[in-house]
Amino acid sequence: MDAKFSEGMSHEITIETSKEHSARKFFPNLPDVFATPYLGGYMERASAELIDKQLEEGWQSVGISMSLQHLAPTPLGMKVKIVTKITKVEGRKLTFEIEAFDELEKIGKATHERFIIDAKKFEERVAAKTAKWRER
């Protein structure tokens, strides 16, 4: 792995929220607004995209932690912008600070860690675990 990562590298994505992003997808007695699990998922996506642009073939990244604060509701139909920035590089472990904004205000922030992996070794590990599980 020869990818070069440095503090300050950033990336952003914008999504348009819709009914498929509703908190009610998770439980019917929740508000019909942009759900926290989707916010976290898009934060992870933005960070993974930033890493992926730098990786050589055969390398991927996996999320290993996220501390997320969902600060404000977003009505469905609004656009959400996610901005991620690398704040720490420790070998193959990268730390990100992430902010999310709807069309009117900041709606979330998170600290996220990702680890760069050898895809082939990871797939072998998953296959071995799957085989062990099926043998039970």
Protein backbone atom coordinates (compact mmCIF):
# COMPACT_ATOMS: atom_id res chain seq x y z
CA MET A 1 0.00 0.00 0.00
CA ASP A 2 1.66 3.17 -1.19
CA ALA A 3 -1.30 5.54 -0.79
CA LYS A 4 -0.41 8.88 0.71
CA PHE A 5 -2.80 10.41 3.20
CA SER A 6 -2.34 13.64 5.10
CA GLU A 7 -4.19 15.72 7.62
CA GLY A 8 -6.45 18.24 5.97
CA MET A 9 -7.43 16.12 2.95
CA SER A 10 -11.18 16.58 2.45
CA HIS A 11 -14.13 15.48 0.38
CA GLU A 12 -17.80 16.33 0.21
CA ILE A 13 -20.95 14.77 -1.13
CA THR A 14 -24.49 16.08 -1.50
CA ILE A 15 -27.61 13.93 -1.43
CA GLU A 16 -31.27 14.76 -1.82
CA THR A 17 -33.34 13.22 0.94
CA SER A 18 -36.52 11.33 0.08
CA LYS A 19 -39.11 9.01 1.65
CA GLU A 20 -36.56 6.19 1.51
CA HIS A 21 -34.46 8.09 4.08
CA SER A 22 -37.25 8.41 6.65
CA ALA A 23 -36.72 7.48 10.29
CA ARG A 24 -40.01 5.57 9.96
CA LYS A 25 -38.15 2.93 7.93
CA PHE A 26 -36.68 1.83 11.28
CA PHE A 27 -39.75 2.17 13.51
CA PRO A 28 -43.26 3.43 12.63
CA ASN A 29 -43.61 5.73 15.65
CA LEU A 30 -40.67 7.95 14.67
CA PRO A 31 -40.86 11.33 12.95
CA ASP A 32 -40.98 11.36 9.15
CA VAL A 33 -37.61 13.14 8.79
CA PHE A 34 -34.08 12.26 7.63
CA ALA A 35 -33.00 9.34 9.84
CA THR A 36 -29.84 9.23 11.94
CA PRO A 37 -28.72 5.85 10.50
CA TYR A 38 -28.79 7.35 7.00
CA LEU A 39 -26.85 10.39 8.20
CA GLY A 40 -24.18 8.09 9.64
CA GLY A 41 -24.13 5.97 6.50
CA TYR A 42 -23.58 8.96 4.24
CA MET A 43 -20.86 10.25 6.56
CA GLU A 44 -19.13 6.89 6.21
CA ARG A 45 -19.61 6.97 2.43
CA ALA A 46 -18.00 10.41 2.11
CA SER A 47 -14.98 9.28 4.13
CA ALA A 48 -14.66 6.00 2.21
CA GLU A 49 -14.80 7.88 -1.10
CA LEU A 50 -11.98 10.17 0.03
CA ILE A 51 -9.80 7.17 0.87
CA ASP A 52 -10.76 5.18 -2.21
CA LYS A 53 -9.47 7.89 -4.56
CA GLN A 54 -5.97 7.33 -3.15
CA LEU A 55 -5.85 3.53 -2.84
CA GLU A 56 -4.08 1.18 -5.21
CA GLU A 57 -5.94 -1.82 -6.59
CA GLY A 58 -6.39 -4.57 -4.01
CA TRP A 59 -6.81 -2.21 -1.05
CA GLN A 60 -10.04 -1.07 0.62
CA SER A 61 -11.10 0.55 3.86
CA VAL A 62 -13.44 -0.45 6.67
CA GLY A 63 -15.08 1.68 9.30
CA ILE A 64 -13.94 0.89 12.84
CA SER A 65 -15.70 3.58 14.89
CA MET A 66 -18.06 6.54 14.69
CA SER A 67 -19.22 9.01 17.32
CA LEU A 68 -22.12 10.92 15.79
CA GLN A 69 -24.29 13.78 17.00
CA HIS A 70 -27.51 14.43 15.06
CA LEU A 71 -28.11 18.09 15.90
CA ALA A 72 -31.25 19.10 13.98
CA PRO A 73 -34.08 17.54 11.97
CA THR A 74 -34.13 17.68 8.17
CA PRO A 75 -37.48 17.57 6.35
CA LEU A 76 -37.55 14.98 3.57
CA GLY A 77 -36.88 16.53 0.17
CA MET A 78 -34.09 18.81 1.38
CA LYS A 79 -30.53 18.36 0.17
CA VAL A 80 -27.86 17.37 2.68
CA LYS A 81 -24.16 18.18 2.23
CA ILE A 82 -21.60 16.03 4.05
CA VAL A 83 -18.03 17.36 4.43
CA THR A 84 -15.32 15.02 5.73
CA LYS A 85 -11.73 15.87 6.57
CA ILE A 86 -8.79 13.71 7.66
CA THR A 87 -7.57 14.93 11.04
CA LYS A 88 -5.12 12.18 11.99
CA VAL A 89 -3.04 9.58 10.14
CA GLU A 90 -1.61 6.66 12.13
CA GLY A 91 -0.24 4.19 9.60
CA ARG A 92 -3.29 2.54 8.04
CA LYS A 93 -5.72 4.06 10.56
CA LEU A 94 -7.29 7.37 9.56
CA THR A 95 -9.42 9.67 11.71
CA PHE A 96 -12.02 12.02 10.19
CA GLU A 97 -14.02 14.98 11.44
CA ILE A 98 -17.30 15.18 9.56
CA GLU A 99 -19.99 17.84 9.38
CA ALA A 100 -23.42 17.68 7.76
CA PHE A 101 -25.63 20.56 6.64
CA ASP A 102 -29.12 20.70 5.20
CA GLU A 103 -30.18 23.69 3.13
CA LEU A 104 -30.71 25.82 6.25
CA GLU A 105 -28.37 24.72 9.04
CA LYS A 106 -25.76 22.35 10.43
CA ILE A 107 -27.52 19.08 11.22
CA GLY A 108 -24.75 16.77 12.39
CA LYS A 109 -21.15 16.18 13.28
CA ALA A 110 -19.07 13.06 13.82
CA THR A 111 -15.65 11.67 14.50
CA HIS A 112 -15.02 8.59 12.38
CA GLU A 113 -12.13 6.11 12.10
CA ARG A 114 -11.35 3.90 9.13
CA PHE A 115 -8.68 1.26 8.64
CA ILE A 116 -7.06 0.44 5.29
CA ILE A 117 -7.13 -3.28 4.54
CA ASP A 118 -5.73 -5.77 2.04
CA ALA A 119 -8.97 -6.77 0.30
CA LYS A 120 -7.86 -10.32 -0.52
CA LYS A 121 -6.82 -11.11 3.06
CA PHE A 122 -10.04 -9.60 4.38
CA GLU A 123 -12.18 -11.66 1.98
CA GLU A 124 -10.30 -14.81 3.02
CA ARG A 125 -11.01 -14.04 6.67
CA VAL A 126 -14.72 -13.51 5.94
CA ALA A 127 -14.89 -16.74 3.91
CA ALA A 128 -13.27 -18.70 6.76
CA LYS A 129 -15.72 -17.25 9.26
CA THR A 130 -18.67 -18.02 6.96
CA ALA A 131 -17.51 -21.63 6.56
CA LYS A 132 -17.12 -22.03 10.32
CA TRP A 133 -20.61 -20.60 10.89
CA ARG A 134 -22.19 -22.94 8.32
CA GLU A 135 -20.51 -25.97 9.91
CA ARG A 136 -22.30 -25.40 13.22
